[in-house]
Amino acid sequence: MSISDRIGIHTGDITRLAVDAIVNAA
């Protein structure tokens, strides 16, 4: 459970950073 939670959190952080990068680039 904790491993899946960690993966989900990391994935969310990466997605958030990617979105922020795209917005900043735009």
PDB file of N, CA and C in Angstrom:
ATOM      1  N   MET A   1       0.843  -1.201   0.000  1.00  0.00           N
ATOM      2  CA  MET A   1       0.000   0.000   0.000  1.00  0.00           C
ATOM      3  C   MET A   1       0.882   1.256   0.000  1.00  0.00           C
ATOM      4  N   SER A   2       1.855   1.302   0.896  1.00  0.00           N
ATOM      5  CA  SER A   2       2.702   2.490   0.994  1.00  0.00           C
ATOM      6  C   SER A   2       3.477   2.699  -0.308  1.00  0.00           C
ATOM      7  N   ILE A   3       3.921   1.595  -0.917  1.00  0.00           N
ATOM      8  CA  ILE A   3       4.680   1.724  -2.170  1.00  0.00           C
ATOM      9  C   ILE A   3       3.784   2.355  -3.236  1.00  0.00           C
ATOM     10  N   SER A   4       2.555   1.854  -3.351  1.00  0.00           N
ATOM     11  CA  SER A   4       1.627   2.398  -4.353  1.00  0.00           C
ATOM     12  C   SER A   4       1.354   3.866  -4.052  1.00  0.00           C
ATOM     13  N   ASP A   5       1.179   4.185  -2.775  1.00  0.00           N
ATOM     14  CA  ASP A   5       0.921   5.576  -2.396  1.00  0.00           C
ATOM     15  C   ASP A   5       2.106   6.442  -2.805  1.00  0.00           C
ATOM     16  N   ARG A   6       3.310   5.936  -2.563  1.00  0.00           N
ATOM     17  CA  ARG A   6       4.508   6.717  -2.914  1.00  0.00           C
ATOM     18  C   ARG A   6       4.558   6.947  -4.415  1.00  0.00           C
ATOM     19  N   ILE A   7       4.300   5.891  -5.186  1.00  0.00           N
ATOM     20  CA  ILE A   7       4.325   6.019  -6.648  1.00  0.00           C
ATOM     21  C   ILE A   7       3.287   7.048  -7.086  1.00  0.00           C
ATOM     22  N   GLY A   8       2.091   6.968  -6.514  1.00  0.00           N
ATOM     23  CA  GLY A   8       1.035   7.912  -6.871  1.00  0.00           C
ATOM     24  C   GLY A   8       1.451   9.335  -6.552  1.00  0.00           C
ATOM     25  N   ILE A   9       2.056   9.536  -5.377  1.00  0.00           N
ATOM     26  CA  ILE A   9       2.484  10.875  -4.971  1.00  0.00           C
ATOM     27  C   ILE A   9       3.557  11.375  -5.939  1.00  0.00           C
ATOM     28  N   HIS A  10       4.549  10.516  -6.237  1.00  0.00           N
ATOM     29  CA  HIS A  10       5.623  10.914  -7.148  1.00  0.00           C
ATOM     30  C   HIS A  10       5.048  11.249  -8.517  1.00  0.00           C
ATOM     31  N   THR A  11       4.135  10.412  -8.997  1.00  0.00           N
ATOM     32  CA  THR A  11       3.530  10.653 -10.317  1.00  0.00           C
ATOM     33  C   THR A  11       2.800  11.990 -10.305  1.00  0.00           C
ATOM     34  N   GLY A  12       2.070  12.264  -9.243  1.00  0.00           N
ATOM     35  CA  GLY A  12       1.348  13.530  -9.147  1.00  0.00           C
ATOM     36  C   GLY A  12       2.314  14.704  -9.143  1.00  0.00           C
ATOM     37  N   ASP A  13       3.417  14.580  -8.401  1.00  0.00           N
ATOM     38  CA  ASP A  13       4.395  15.663  -8.337  1.00  0.00           C
ATOM     39  C   ASP A  13       4.985  15.901  -9.719  1.00  0.00           C
ATOM     40  N   ILE A  14       5.349  14.811 -10.420  1.00  0.00           N
ATOM     41  CA  ILE A  14       5.944  14.940 -11.756  1.00  0.00           C
ATOM     42  C   ILE A  14       4.948  15.613 -12.694  1.00  0.00           C
ATOM     43  N   THR A  15       3.697  15.166 -12.633  1.00  0.00           N
ATOM     44  CA  THR A  15       2.672  15.754 -13.511  1.00  0.00           C
ATOM     45  C   THR A  15       2.514  17.231 -13.201  1.00  0.00           C
ATOM     46  N   ARG A  16       2.510  17.550 -11.927  1.00  0.00           N
ATOM     47  CA  ARG A  16       2.333  18.953 -11.521  1.00  0.00           C
ATOM     48  C   ARG A  16       3.510  19.787 -12.023  1.00  0.00           C
ATOM     49  N   LEU A  17       4.731  19.259 -11.857  1.00  0.00           N
ATOM     50  CA  LEU A  17       5.921  19.979 -12.320  1.00  0.00           C
ATOM     51  C   LEU A  17       5.867  20.147 -13.833  1.00  0.00           C
ATOM     52  N   ALA A  18       5.441  19.093 -14.540  1.00  0.00           N
ATOM     53  CA  ALA A  18       5.362  19.150 -16.004  1.00  0.00           C
ATOM     54  C   ALA A  18       4.371  20.228 -16.421  1.00  0.00           C
ATOM     55  N   VAL A  19       3.211  20.257 -15.766  1.00  0.00           N
ATOM     56  CA  VAL A  19       2.189  21.265 -16.090  1.00  0.00           C
ATOM     57  C   VAL A  19       2.740  22.657 -15.813  1.00  0.00           C
ATOM     58  N   ASP A  20       3.400  22.821 -14.688  1.00  0.00           N
ATOM     59  CA  ASP A  20       3.969  24.133 -14.343  1.00  0.00           C
ATOM     60  C   ASP A  20       4.995  24.538 -15.393  1.00  0.00           C
ATOM     61  N   ALA A  21       5.823  23.586 -15.832  1.00  0.00           N
ATOM     62  CA  ALA A  21       6.855  23.880 -16.833  1.00  0.00           C
ATOM     63  C   ALA A  21       6.205  24.322 -18.140  1.00  0.00           C
ATOM     64  N   ILE A  22       5.135  23.618 -18.537  1.00  0.00           N
ATOM     65  CA  ILE A  22       4.438  23.972 -19.790  1.00  0.00           C
ATOM     66  C   ILE A  22       3.842  25.372 -19.669  1.00  0.00           C
ATOM     67  N   VAL A  23       3.198  25.650 -18.539  1.00  0.00           N
ATOM     68  CA  VAL A  23       2.583  26.967 -18.339  1.00  0.00           C
ATOM     69  C   VAL A  23       3.662  28.045 -18.362  1.00  0.00           C
ATOM     70  N   ASN A  24       4.777  27.783 -17.696  1.00  0.00           N
ATOM     71  CA  ASN A  24       5.860  28.769 -17.657  1.00  0.00           C
ATOM     72  C   ASN A  24       6.437  28.966 -19.054  1.00  0.00           C
ATOM     73  N   ALA A  25       6.588  27.872 -19.803  1.00  0.00           N
ATOM     74  CA  ALA A  25       7.133  27.950 -21.160  1.00  0.00           C
ATOM     75  C   ALA A  25       6.174  28.741 -22.049  1.00  0.00           C
ATOM     76  N   ALA A  26       4.868  28.521 -21.838  1.00  0.00           N
ATOM     77  CA  ALA A  26       3.871  29.209 -22.663  1.00  0.00           C
ATOM     78  C   ALA A  26       3.852  30.685 -22.258  1.00  0.00           C
TER      79      ALA A  26
END
